[in-house]
Amino acid sequence: MPAWVAEYASQQPGGGERLEVNDERVLCFLRSLRDRGVPAWQRLQAARAVEWYQGIVLRQASVDFSPYIVKLGELAAIDRRVGAVGSDEGIPGEGLPGRLDLDEPSAVRELRARMRVLHHPKSTEDCYARWLLRFIRHLDDEQLEKHGEHEIGQFLTDLAVTGEVTAGTQNQALSAMIFYYGKVLGRDLRFIQRIRAKASEYLPVVLSKLEVLELLGRMRGESETMFQLMYGSGLRHRECRCLRIKDVCFDMGQIVVRNGKGEKDRVTVLPGFAQESLRRCIETAAATHRDDLQDGFGSVYLPFALHRKYPNASRELGWQYVFPSRRRSADPRSGVIRRHHVHERTFASAMKTALARTSIKKSATPHTLRHSFATHMLEDGADIRTVQELLGHKDVKTTMIYTHVMNRPGLAVTSPLDRLRVMANSVVN
């Protein structure tokens, strides 16, 4: 304990034999340990050491340490449960839980920590956390280990009946419950897993080739290049935003898609039409990176603990995003200041604005461009297995959906109304 008291003393202004212990200084001390990546169980030791100093040496009780000890005890329990031992950055893909919001219920923090250890995307983590919060509110109880399949079934029923949610939304909530109870609490929900709602099957929205040209003509700047890659390479919106400079090969005319859906890599085509604008984007990203380095920043997020294997890689140009954000910001999980990739709303908003300026009446989204890529490839005679590989589909049945929206041209049938019209014309003549 004297070591932690000495650590506390090193952060106090001035000297003197007796240290001042108050809420403000204790809170600052514990936060500084957290920001340095000190694990919860050691921060718990530090809190108890200062509490010991206050009671034994100062013979005071001015600070109530019980809230700190309870919170840190909960976090230490989470660390033990998910097998984490602390983190210098603690960001997704590095197998470490990173920063957790102490204002969230302990069940939500456990969920987040486990999902980070298992490398789940932040979007999935946030989605599952929202559903777990709704489940907690439904129960009016944060102790989820006391509840099980019966309560989950009631929650899903209320969503379907009262909330009037779609089957897909209901299954999303179910997935969150299965993950928490299975991966965090270690409980098998076999019965619940069999009650997934039957989702409706919809044909994808696909733009015609003329519509693609019209919409592309309304796009400008960086968004125009992203449009070209999503339609010309079949990239998902996220894959385009997360594209790194090193994964673009102009000589071979290809793009390597890293950590796509299902954490799979694949290679797709780099359209020659997009190369000139893509080079300009990379030049702009390189200039931005040089400025960041001069300002003392320039470190980019690396997945799967690569920053440990390659300590300097995060500052290399090749690892930087092709489409970086316009400003630096704090990593939501680690707090590290860095330049992330462009936000998902940036291109979506630009495409929505451009779409409004065209004659197109379809409800197109960024993902519509990927649908259009696949459909037009098949229309032009590409083998369906080739299209499957370019899209990164695990099962060719997923790719087969695009055969239903192909322009053949027109459907390979004649409407009975048109046949009647032909008969009527023949009778008149």
Protein backbone atom coordinates (compact mmCIF):
# COMPACT_ATOMS: atom_id res chain seq x y z
CA MET A 1 0.00 0.00 0.00
CA PRO A 2 2.78 2.56 0.64
CA ALA A 3 3.60 2.43 -3.09
CA TRP A 4 0.11 3.64 -4.02
CA VAL A 5 0.21 6.29 -1.31
CA ALA A 6 3.52 7.49 -2.76
CA GLU A 7 1.88 7.57 -6.21
CA TYR A 8 -0.95 9.65 -4.76
CA ALA A 9 1.57 11.98 -3.09
CA SER A 10 3.45 12.51 -6.38
CA GLN A 11 0.34 14.11 -7.85
CA GLN A 12 -0.19 16.54 -4.99
CA PRO A 13 1.06 20.14 -5.24
CA GLY A 14 3.73 21.32 -2.80
CA GLY A 15 5.31 19.19 -0.11
CA GLY A 16 4.65 18.61 3.54
CA GLU A 17 4.51 15.55 5.70
CA ARG A 18 0.73 15.14 5.61
CA LEU A 19 -1.21 14.65 2.40
CA GLU A 20 -4.57 16.28 1.84
CA VAL A 21 -7.33 13.80 1.01
CA ASN A 22 -10.52 15.17 -0.52
CA ASP A 23 -13.04 14.05 -3.14
CA GLU A 24 -11.60 16.18 -5.93
CA ARG A 25 -8.03 14.93 -5.49
CA VAL A 26 -9.05 11.30 -5.06
CA LEU A 27 -11.17 11.44 -8.22
CA CYS A 28 -8.36 13.06 -10.22
CA PHE A 29 -5.92 10.43 -8.94
CA LEU A 30 -8.11 7.50 -9.93
CA ARG A 31 -8.88 9.02 -13.32
CA SER A 32 -5.19 9.54 -14.02
CA LEU A 33 -4.56 5.85 -13.31
CA ARG A 34 -7.39 4.89 -15.64
CA ASP A 35 -6.08 7.14 -18.41
CA ARG A 36 -2.66 5.49 -18.12
CA GLY A 37 -4.23 2.09 -18.69
CA VAL A 38 -3.90 0.81 -15.11
CA PRO A 39 -6.30 -2.17 -14.79
CA ALA A 40 -9.31 -1.96 -12.49
CA TRP A 41 -7.97 -4.39 -9.88
CA GLN A 42 -4.89 -2.20 -9.38
CA ARG A 43 -6.99 0.98 -9.24
CA LEU A 44 -9.02 -0.77 -6.56
CA GLN A 45 -5.80 -1.36 -4.60
CA ALA A 46 -4.90 2.31 -5.01
CA ALA A 47 -8.28 3.47 -3.70
CA ARG A 48 -7.98 1.22 -0.66
CA ALA A 49 -4.44 2.44 -0.03
CA VAL A 50 -5.52 6.10 0.07
CA GLU A 51 -8.51 5.12 2.23
CA TRP A 52 -6.09 3.37 4.61
CA TYR A 53 -3.88 6.49 4.72
CA GLN A 54 -6.89 8.71 5.48
CA GLY A 55 -8.09 6.52 8.34
CA ILE A 56 -4.83 5.32 9.91
CA VAL A 57 -2.47 8.24 9.34
CA LEU A 58 -4.77 11.26 9.13
CA ARG A 59 -7.41 9.75 11.42
CA GLN A 60 -10.11 11.33 9.29
CA ALA A 61 -13.16 10.22 7.31
CA SER A 62 -13.68 13.24 5.07
CA VAL A 63 -13.93 11.12 1.90
CA ASP A 64 -16.37 8.22 1.55
CA PHE A 65 -14.44 5.66 -0.50
CA SER A 66 -17.26 3.12 -0.73
CA PRO A 67 -18.63 4.36 -4.13
CA TYR A 68 -15.14 4.16 -5.67
CA ILE A 69 -14.49 0.72 -4.21
CA VAL A 70 -17.85 -0.66 -5.35
CA LYS A 71 -17.44 0.64 -8.92
CA LEU A 72 -13.84 -0.53 -9.22
CA GLY A 73 -14.80 -3.89 -7.76
CA GLU A 74 -17.43 -4.29 -10.49
CA LEU A 75 -14.92 -3.38 -13.20
CA ALA A 76 -12.34 -5.77 -11.78
CA ALA A 77 -14.95 -8.54 -11.85
CA ILE A 78 -15.68 -7.76 -15.50
CA ASP A 79 -11.97 -7.94 -16.31
CA ARG A 80 -11.73 -11.33 -14.64
CA ARG A 81 -14.82 -12.60 -16.44
CA VAL A 82 -13.73 -11.62 -19.94
CA GLY A 83 -10.09 -12.53 -19.36
CA ALA A 84 -8.74 -9.01 -19.85
CA VAL A 85 -5.70 -7.73 -18.02
CA GLY A 86 -5.67 -4.04 -18.86
CA SER A 87 -4.83 -2.09 -21.97
CA ASP A 88 -2.61 0.67 -23.17
CA GLU A 89 -5.21 1.68 -25.69
CA GLY A 90 -7.98 -0.88 -25.46
CA ILE A 91 -9.67 -0.48 -28.80
CA PRO A 92 -11.74 -2.88 -30.93
CA GLY A 93 -9.86 -5.67 -32.62
CA GLU A 94 -7.09 -5.68 -30.02
CA GLY A 95 -8.74 -8.19 -27.71
CA LEU A 96 -8.94 -5.73 -24.80
CA PRO A 97 -11.96 -3.99 -23.29
CA GLY A 98 -10.58 -0.43 -23.18
CA ARG A 99 -12.56 2.36 -21.54
CA LEU A 100 -16.02 1.61 -20.20
CA ASP A 101 -18.66 4.13 -19.16
CA LEU A 102 -19.14 3.82 -15.41
CA ASP A 103 -22.60 5.38 -15.74
CA GLU A 104 -23.86 2.38 -17.72
CA PRO A 105 -25.29 -0.66 -15.91
CA SER A 106 -22.72 -3.32 -15.10
CA ALA A 107 -24.42 -5.78 -17.49
CA VAL A 108 -23.92 -3.37 -20.40
CA ARG A 109 -20.28 -2.84 -19.46
CA GLU A 110 -19.77 -6.61 -19.34
CA LEU A 111 -21.37 -6.91 -22.77
CA ARG A 112 -19.16 -4.20 -24.25
CA ALA A 113 -16.00 -5.67 -22.73
CA ARG A 114 -16.75 -9.13 -24.06
CA MET A 115 -17.59 -7.87 -27.54
CA ARG A 116 -14.30 -5.96 -27.71
CA VAL A 117 -12.34 -9.02 -26.63
CA LEU A 118 -14.03 -10.96 -29.46
CA HIS A 119 -13.29 -8.20 -32.01
CA HIS A 120 -16.88 -7.20 -32.78
CA PRO A 121 -17.37 -3.89 -34.66
CA LYS A 122 -18.36 -0.84 -32.63
CA SER A 123 -21.63 -0.57 -34.56
CA THR A 124 -22.64 -4.07 -33.43
CA GLU A 125 -21.49 -3.34 -29.88
CA ASP A 126 -23.57 -0.16 -29.69
CA CYS A 127 -26.59 -1.92 -31.19
CA TYR A 128 -26.45 -4.81 -28.69
CA ALA A 129 -25.86 -2.39 -25.81
CA ARG A 130 -29.01 -0.44 -26.74
CA TRP A 131 -31.08 -3.62 -26.77
CA LEU A 132 -29.66 -4.74 -23.43
CA LEU A 133 -30.58 -1.35 -21.96
CA ARG A 134 -34.13 -1.72 -23.28
CA PHE A 135 -34.32 -5.18 -21.73
CA ILE A 136 -33.13 -3.78 -18.39
CA ARG A 137 -35.81 -1.07 -18.54
CA HIS A 138 -38.40 -3.70 -19.45
CA LEU A 139 -37.47 -5.71 -16.35
CA ASP A 140 -36.78 -2.67 -14.17
CA ASP A 141 -33.87 -4.70 -12.83
CA GLU A 142 -30.15 -4.53 -13.64
CA GLN A 143 -29.42 -7.99 -12.23
CA LEU A 144 -29.96 -9.87 -15.49
CA GLU A 145 -28.45 -13.10 -14.18
CA LYS A 146 -31.67 -13.57 -12.17
CA HIS A 147 -33.73 -13.74 -15.35
CA GLY A 148 -33.81 -16.08 -18.31
CA GLU A 149 -35.77 -17.46 -21.24
CA HIS A 150 -39.23 -16.64 -19.86
CA GLU A 151 -38.44 -12.94 -19.40
CA ILE A 152 -36.65 -12.75 -22.76
CA GLY A 153 -39.69 -14.31 -24.45
CA GLN A 154 -41.99 -11.74 -22.85
CA PHE A 155 -39.68 -8.92 -23.94
CA LEU A 156 -39.64 -10.11 -27.55
CA THR A 157 -43.42 -10.54 -27.51
CA ASP A 158 -43.89 -6.98 -26.25
CA LEU A 159 -41.62 -5.73 -29.03
CA ALA A 160 -43.69 -7.50 -31.66
CA VAL A 161 -47.14 -6.66 -30.25
CA THR A 162 -46.76 -3.30 -28.52
CA GLY A 163 -43.66 -1.98 -30.23
CA GLU A 164 -44.81 -3.18 -33.67
CA VAL A 165 -41.22 -3.78 -34.74
CA THR A 166 -40.26 -5.68 -37.88
CA ALA A 167 -39.08 -9.27 -37.82
CA GLY A 168 -35.53 -8.13 -38.55
CA THR A 169 -35.57 -5.74 -35.59
CA GLN A 170 -36.99 -8.43 -33.32
CA ASN A 171 -34.25 -10.86 -34.37
CA GLN A 172 -31.65 -8.17 -33.73
CA ALA A 173 -32.89 -7.86 -30.14
CA LEU A 174 -32.83 -11.65 -29.80
CA SER A 175 -29.23 -11.79 -31.04
CA ALA A 176 -28.23 -9.29 -28.35
CA MET A 177 -29.88 -11.42 -25.65
CA ILE A 178 -28.26 -14.62 -26.94
CA PHE A 179 -24.84 -12.98 -27.00
CA TYR A 180 -25.09 -11.59 -23.45
CA TYR A 181 -26.47 -14.74 -21.86
CA GLY A 182 -24.24 -17.05 -23.90
CA LYS A 183 -20.92 -15.23 -24.17
CA VAL A 184 -20.99 -13.21 -20.93
CA LEU A 185 -23.00 -15.32 -18.49
CA GLY A 186 -22.21 -18.66 -20.13
CA ARG A 187 -25.83 -19.78 -20.30
CA ASP A 188 -27.29 -21.77 -23.21
CA LEU A 189 -30.60 -20.38 -24.48
CA ARG A 190 -31.52 -23.27 -26.75
CA PHE A 191 -35.27 -22.69 -26.61
CA ILE A 192 -35.03 -18.96 -27.29
CA GLN A 193 -32.77 -19.53 -30.29
CA ARG A 194 -35.60 -21.48 -31.97
CA ILE A 195 -38.13 -18.63 -31.90
CA ARG A 196 -36.56 -16.26 -34.40
CA ALA A 197 -39.14 -14.27 -36.33
CA LYS A 198 -39.52 -15.05 -40.01
CA ALA A 199 -38.06 -12.09 -41.87
CA SER A 200 -39.64 -10.85 -45.08
CA GLU A 201 -37.68 -11.29 -48.27
CA TYR A 202 -37.31 -8.17 -50.38
CA LEU A 203 -35.75 -7.71 -53.78
CA PRO A 204 -32.86 -5.23 -53.65
CA VAL A 205 -33.27 -1.75 -55.10
CA VAL A 206 -31.17 -1.55 -58.27
CA LEU A 207 -30.46 1.48 -60.44
CA SER A 208 -30.44 1.12 -64.20
CA LYS A 209 -27.22 1.96 -66.01
CA LEU A 210 -28.68 5.26 -67.21
CA GLU A 211 -29.74 6.09 -63.65
CA VAL A 212 -26.21 5.36 -62.41
CA LEU A 213 -24.80 7.77 -64.99
CA GLU A 214 -27.33 10.44 -64.08
CA LEU A 215 -26.64 10.14 -60.35
CA LEU A 216 -22.87 9.98 -60.81
CA GLY A 217 -23.06 13.22 -62.77
CA ARG A 218 -24.45 14.94 -59.67
CA MET A 219 -21.69 13.76 -57.31
CA ARG A 220 -18.66 15.94 -56.59
CA GLY A 221 -15.24 15.68 -54.95
CA GLU A 222 -14.42 12.89 -52.54
CA SER A 223 -18.01 11.61 -52.61
CA GLU A 224 -17.77 11.14 -56.38
CA THR A 225 -14.72 8.89 -55.93
CA MET A 226 -16.47 6.88 -53.21
CA PHE A 227 -19.45 6.49 -55.54
CA GLN A 228 -17.17 5.19 -58.29
CA LEU A 229 -15.64 2.59 -55.95
CA MET A 230 -18.90 1.37 -54.45
CA TYR A 231 -20.50 0.96 -57.87
CA GLY A 232 -17.35 0.10 -59.82
CA SER A 233 -15.83 -2.32 -57.28
CA GLY A 234 -18.89 -3.57 -55.41
CA LEU A 235 -17.64 -2.25 -52.07
CA ARG A 236 -19.91 -1.97 -49.08
CA HIS A 237 -20.22 1.53 -47.66
CA ARG A 238 -18.15 0.59 -44.60
CA GLU A 239 -15.49 -1.12 -46.73
CA CYS A 240 -15.11 2.02 -48.81
CA ARG A 241 -14.84 4.30 -45.77
CA CYS A 242 -12.26 1.99 -44.14
CA LEU A 243 -10.12 1.56 -47.27
CA ARG A 244 -6.40 2.07 -46.54
CA ILE A 245 -3.81 3.42 -48.96
CA LYS A 246 -1.72 0.21 -48.92
CA ASP A 247 -4.70 -1.85 -50.13
CA VAL A 248 -5.02 -0.01 -53.45
CA CYS A 249 -2.93 -1.46 -56.30
CA PHE A 250 -3.03 0.69 -59.43
CA ASP A 251 -0.60 -1.52 -61.39
CA MET A 252 -2.70 -4.66 -60.96
CA GLY A 253 -6.00 -2.80 -61.12
CA GLN A 254 -7.33 -4.25 -57.89
CA ILE A 255 -8.41 -3.40 -54.37
CA VAL A 256 -7.82 -5.66 -51.37
CA VAL A 257 -10.79 -5.50 -49.02
CA ARG A 258 -9.63 -6.14 -45.45
CA ASN A 259 -11.85 -7.40 -42.64
CA GLY A 260 -15.02 -7.38 -44.69
CA LYS A 261 -18.29 -8.82 -43.47
CA GLY A 262 -17.49 -11.91 -41.43
CA GLU A 263 -13.90 -10.66 -40.95
CA LYS A 264 -12.93 -11.99 -44.38
CA ASP A 265 -10.44 -10.51 -46.86
CA ARG A 266 -11.09 -10.50 -50.59
CA VAL A 267 -9.81 -8.95 -53.81
CA THR A 268 -12.03 -6.95 -56.15
CA VAL A 269 -11.57 -4.95 -59.32
CA LEU A 270 -10.29 -1.34 -59.35
CA PRO A 271 -12.07 0.38 -62.26
CA GLY A 272 -9.76 2.31 -64.56
CA PHE A 273 -12.39 5.06 -64.72
CA ALA A 274 -11.87 5.74 -60.99
CA GLN A 275 -8.08 5.69 -60.88
CA GLU A 276 -7.41 9.36 -61.60
CA SER A 277 -9.77 10.67 -58.92
CA LEU A 278 -8.56 7.98 -56.50
CA ARG A 279 -4.96 9.10 -56.96
CA ARG A 280 -6.00 12.66 -56.08
CA CYS A 281 -7.73 11.44 -52.92
CA ILE A 282 -4.59 9.54 -51.88
CA GLU A 283 -2.43 12.62 -52.50
CA THR A 284 -4.77 14.68 -50.32
CA ALA A 285 -4.70 12.01 -47.59
CA ALA A 286 -0.89 11.96 -47.73
CA ALA A 287 -0.70 15.74 -47.31
CA THR A 288 -3.10 15.56 -44.37
CA HIS A 289 -0.97 12.84 -42.79
CA ARG A 290 2.19 14.95 -43.12
CA ASP A 291 0.44 17.82 -41.34
CA ASP A 292 -0.70 15.48 -38.57
CA LEU A 293 2.85 14.21 -38.06
CA GLN A 294 4.16 17.77 -37.83
CA ASP A 295 1.51 18.50 -35.19
CA GLY A 296 2.62 15.51 -33.12
CA PHE A 297 -0.19 13.17 -34.18
CA GLY A 298 -0.48 10.96 -37.28
CA SER A 299 -1.16 7.63 -35.55
CA VAL A 300 -4.03 5.66 -37.07
CA TYR A 301 -6.02 2.81 -35.55
CA LEU A 302 -4.59 -0.63 -36.32
CA PRO A 303 -6.74 -3.76 -36.04
CA PHE A 304 -6.02 -7.00 -34.20
CA ALA A 305 -3.21 -5.74 -31.93
CA LEU A 306 -0.94 -4.97 -34.90
CA HIS A 307 0.38 -1.94 -33.02
CA ARG A 308 2.20 -4.40 -30.75
CA LYS A 309 3.68 -6.43 -33.59
CA TYR A 310 4.52 -3.35 -35.70
CA PRO A 311 4.92 -0.43 -33.26
CA ASN A 312 5.64 2.14 -35.99
CA ALA A 313 3.08 0.98 -38.55
CA SER A 314 0.33 3.27 -37.25
CA ARG A 315 2.33 6.31 -38.39
CA GLU A 316 3.21 4.93 -41.84
CA LEU A 317 1.45 6.39 -44.88
CA GLY A 318 0.31 3.01 -46.20
CA TRP A 319 -1.85 2.38 -43.14
CA GLN A 320 -3.67 5.71 -43.37
CA TYR A 321 -7.24 5.86 -44.64
CA VAL A 322 -7.85 6.86 -48.27
CA PHE A 323 -10.84 8.88 -47.09
CA PRO A 324 -9.81 10.43 -43.75
CA SER A 325 -12.01 12.54 -41.54
CA ARG A 326 -11.61 16.30 -41.88
CA ARG A 327 -10.69 16.66 -38.22
CA ARG A 328 -8.93 14.70 -35.52
CA SER A 329 -11.01 13.33 -32.66
CA ALA A 330 -10.76 11.18 -29.55
CA ASP A 331 -11.18 7.45 -30.11
CA PRO A 332 -14.52 6.60 -28.44
CA ARG A 333 -13.03 3.51 -26.81
CA SER A 334 -9.47 4.46 -25.95
CA GLY A 335 -9.56 8.26 -25.77
CA VAL A 336 -6.48 8.49 -28.03
CA ILE A 337 -6.54 11.53 -30.33
CA ARG A 338 -6.25 10.40 -33.94
CA ARG A 339 -7.71 10.93 -37.40
CA HIS A 340 -10.38 8.36 -38.17
CA HIS A 341 -11.94 7.59 -41.54
CA VAL A 342 -14.74 9.73 -42.94
CA HIS A 343 -18.06 9.40 -41.09
CA GLU A 344 -20.79 7.23 -42.60
CA ARG A 345 -23.20 10.16 -42.76
CA THR A 346 -20.85 12.15 -44.99
CA PHE A 347 -21.33 10.10 -48.15
CA ALA A 348 -24.92 9.13 -47.33
CA SER A 349 -25.86 12.80 -47.07
CA ALA A 350 -24.02 13.70 -50.28
CA MET A 351 -25.76 10.89 -52.16
CA LYS A 352 -29.17 11.87 -50.81
CA THR A 353 -28.65 15.47 -51.93
CA ALA A 354 -27.47 14.36 -55.37
CA LEU A 355 -30.40 11.96 -55.73
CA ALA A 356 -32.87 14.77 -55.05
CA ARG A 357 -31.43 16.66 -58.02
CA THR A 358 -32.09 13.82 -60.47
CA SER A 359 -35.24 12.41 -62.06
CA ILE A 360 -34.75 9.11 -60.20
CA LYS A 361 -37.73 8.15 -58.01
CA LYS A 362 -36.23 5.06 -56.38
CA SER A 363 -35.27 5.03 -52.70
CA ALA A 364 -31.56 4.55 -53.31
CA THR A 365 -28.99 4.28 -50.50
CA PRO A 366 -25.21 3.76 -50.58
CA HIS A 367 -25.79 -0.02 -50.55
CA THR A 368 -27.88 0.34 -53.71
CA LEU A 369 -24.62 0.95 -55.58
CA ARG A 370 -23.31 -2.49 -54.55
CA HIS A 371 -26.61 -4.07 -55.65
CA SER A 372 -26.31 -2.27 -58.99
CA PHE A 373 -22.70 -3.44 -59.43
CA ALA A 374 -23.70 -7.09 -59.02
CA THR A 375 -26.77 -6.83 -61.24
CA HIS A 376 -24.99 -5.03 -64.07
CA MET A 377 -22.06 -7.48 -63.92
CA LEU A 378 -24.47 -10.39 -64.40
CA GLU A 379 -26.33 -8.56 -67.16
CA ASP A 380 -23.04 -8.09 -68.99
CA GLY A 381 -22.35 -11.82 -68.91
CA ALA A 382 -20.11 -12.24 -65.85
CA ASP A 383 -20.10 -15.71 -64.30
CA ILE A 384 -22.15 -15.80 -61.09
CA ARG A 385 -19.27 -17.46 -59.19
CA THR A 386 -17.00 -14.59 -60.19
CA VAL A 387 -19.55 -12.06 -58.96
CA GLN A 388 -19.88 -14.06 -55.74
CA GLU A 389 -16.13 -13.78 -55.11
CA LEU A 390 -16.03 -10.07 -55.94
CA LEU A 391 -18.88 -9.41 -53.51
CA GLY A 392 -17.45 -11.68 -50.81
CA HIS A 393 -20.61 -13.75 -50.42
CA LYS A 394 -20.17 -16.97 -48.47
CA ASP A 395 -23.02 -18.72 -50.30
CA VAL A 396 -23.83 -18.37 -53.99
CA LYS A 397 -27.53 -18.36 -53.03
CA THR A 398 -27.00 -14.84 -51.71
CA THR A 399 -25.65 -13.76 -55.08
CA MET A 400 -28.53 -15.47 -56.91
CA ILE A 401 -30.94 -12.79 -55.65
CA TYR A 402 -29.54 -10.44 -58.30
CA THR A 403 -30.70 -12.72 -61.10
CA HIS A 404 -34.26 -11.76 -60.12
CA VAL A 405 -33.69 -8.06 -60.81
CA MET A 406 -31.62 -8.35 -63.97
CA ASN A 407 -32.69 -6.50 -67.09
CA ARG A 408 -32.99 -9.31 -69.66
CA PRO A 409 -34.18 -6.77 -71.11
CA GLY A 410 -37.63 -6.94 -69.63
CA LEU A 411 -39.20 -10.01 -68.06
CA ALA A 412 -39.12 -13.12 -70.23
CA VAL A 413 -42.93 -13.28 -70.31
CA THR A 414 -45.71 -11.37 -72.05
CA SER A 415 -48.54 -9.87 -70.05
CA PRO A 416 -51.99 -11.30 -70.88
CA LEU A 417 -53.20 -7.73 -71.28
CA ASP A 418 -50.72 -7.21 -74.11
CA ARG A 419 -51.84 -10.47 -75.71
CA LEU A 420 -55.46 -9.26 -75.62
CA ARG A 421 -54.36 -6.04 -77.29
CA VAL A 422 -52.70 -8.02 -80.10
CA MET A 423 -55.87 -10.10 -80.54
CA ALA A 424 -58.04 -6.98 -80.65
CA ASN A 425 -55.84 -5.38 -83.29
CA SER A 426 -55.99 -8.54 -85.42
CA VAL A 427 -59.81 -8.65 -85.19
CA VAL A 428 -60.11 -4.99 -86.20
CA ASN A 429 -57.77 -5.48 -89.13
